[in-house]
Amino acid sequence: MISPNYDSISTVNELLRKIRIKESQLKIAQESDMVNVVTALQTQLLELEDQLSDSPDLELQALMSLLDD
């Protein structure tokens, strides 16, 4: 029971870390007027945010695991 929840939390944490990195890179690119880089980073950021929204609801999973016990 603990392993699937841990894996989900780990995946979400990794996605959040990647999003923070992309946001930092985006800010630098915007400040440097790097238009093509900004566009690419915005696309990558949207993809990461989509992955995050597709991840399962951790609270619901935790509640369901309690019911299984």
Protein backbone atom coordinates (compact mmCIF):
# COMPACT_ATOMS: atom_id res chain seq x y z
CA MET A 1 0.00 0.00 0.00
CA ILE A 2 2.71 2.50 0.89
CA SER A 3 4.73 1.98 -2.29
CA PRO A 4 2.10 3.15 -4.83
CA ASN A 5 1.35 6.27 -2.79
CA TYR A 6 5.04 6.98 -2.36
CA ASP A 7 5.59 6.56 -6.10
CA SER A 8 2.76 9.00 -6.83
CA ILE A 9 4.10 11.55 -4.38
CA SER A 10 7.60 11.13 -5.79
CA THR A 11 6.31 11.63 -9.33
CA VAL A 12 4.39 14.77 -8.35
CA ASN A 13 7.41 16.16 -6.51
CA GLU A 14 9.62 15.52 -9.54
CA LEU A 15 7.14 17.28 -11.83
CA LEU A 16 6.95 20.25 -9.46
CA ARG A 17 10.75 20.45 -9.38
CA LYS A 18 10.90 20.44 -13.19
CA ILE A 19 8.21 23.13 -13.36
CA ARG A 20 10.14 25.38 -10.97
CA ILE A 21 13.28 24.94 -13.08
CA LYS A 22 11.44 25.76 -16.30
CA GLU A 23 9.87 28.83 -14.68
CA SER A 24 13.31 30.05 -13.66
CA GLN A 25 14.67 29.43 -17.14
CA LEU A 26 11.66 31.21 -18.63
CA LYS A 27 12.19 34.26 -16.44
CA ILE A 28 15.85 34.47 -17.50
CA ALA A 29 14.94 34.07 -21.17
CA GLN A 30 12.27 36.78 -20.90
CA GLU A 31 14.71 39.18 -19.22
CA SER A 32 17.24 38.47 -21.98
CA ASP A 33 14.69 38.99 -24.79
CA MET A 34 15.27 35.49 -26.15
CA VAL A 35 11.95 35.16 -28.00
CA ASN A 36 12.48 31.69 -29.49
CA VAL A 37 13.72 30.29 -26.18
CA VAL A 38 10.73 31.83 -24.36
CA THR A 39 8.36 30.15 -26.80
CA ALA A 40 10.05 26.77 -26.41
CA LEU A 41 10.12 27.01 -22.61
CA GLN A 42 6.44 28.02 -22.48
CA THR A 43 5.58 24.93 -24.52
CA GLN A 44 7.66 22.70 -22.25
CA LEU A 45 6.10 24.28 -19.18
CA LEU A 46 2.59 23.62 -20.49
CA GLU A 47 3.51 19.99 -21.14
CA LEU A 48 4.81 19.57 -17.59
CA GLU A 49 1.69 21.21 -16.16
CA ASP A 50 -0.46 18.85 -18.24
CA GLN A 51 1.47 15.89 -16.84
CA LEU A 52 0.89 17.23 -13.35
CA SER A 53 -2.84 17.62 -13.90
CA ASP A 54 -2.97 14.06 -15.28
CA SER A 55 -1.38 12.63 -12.13
CA PRO A 56 -3.82 10.89 -9.80
CA ASP A 57 -5.39 12.72 -6.89
CA LEU A 58 -3.11 11.80 -4.00
CA GLU A 59 -5.59 12.61 -1.24
CA LEU A 60 -8.23 10.39 -2.80
CA GLN A 61 -5.71 7.58 -3.17
CA ALA A 62 -4.69 7.92 0.47
CA LEU A 63 -8.31 7.76 1.60
CA MET A 64 -8.98 4.73 -0.56
CA SER A 65 -5.94 2.94 0.82
CA LEU A 66 -7.27 3.51 4.33
CA LEU A 67 -10.52 1.85 3.32
CA ASP A 68 -8.61 -1.12 1.91
CA ASP A 69 -6.92 -1.69 5.26
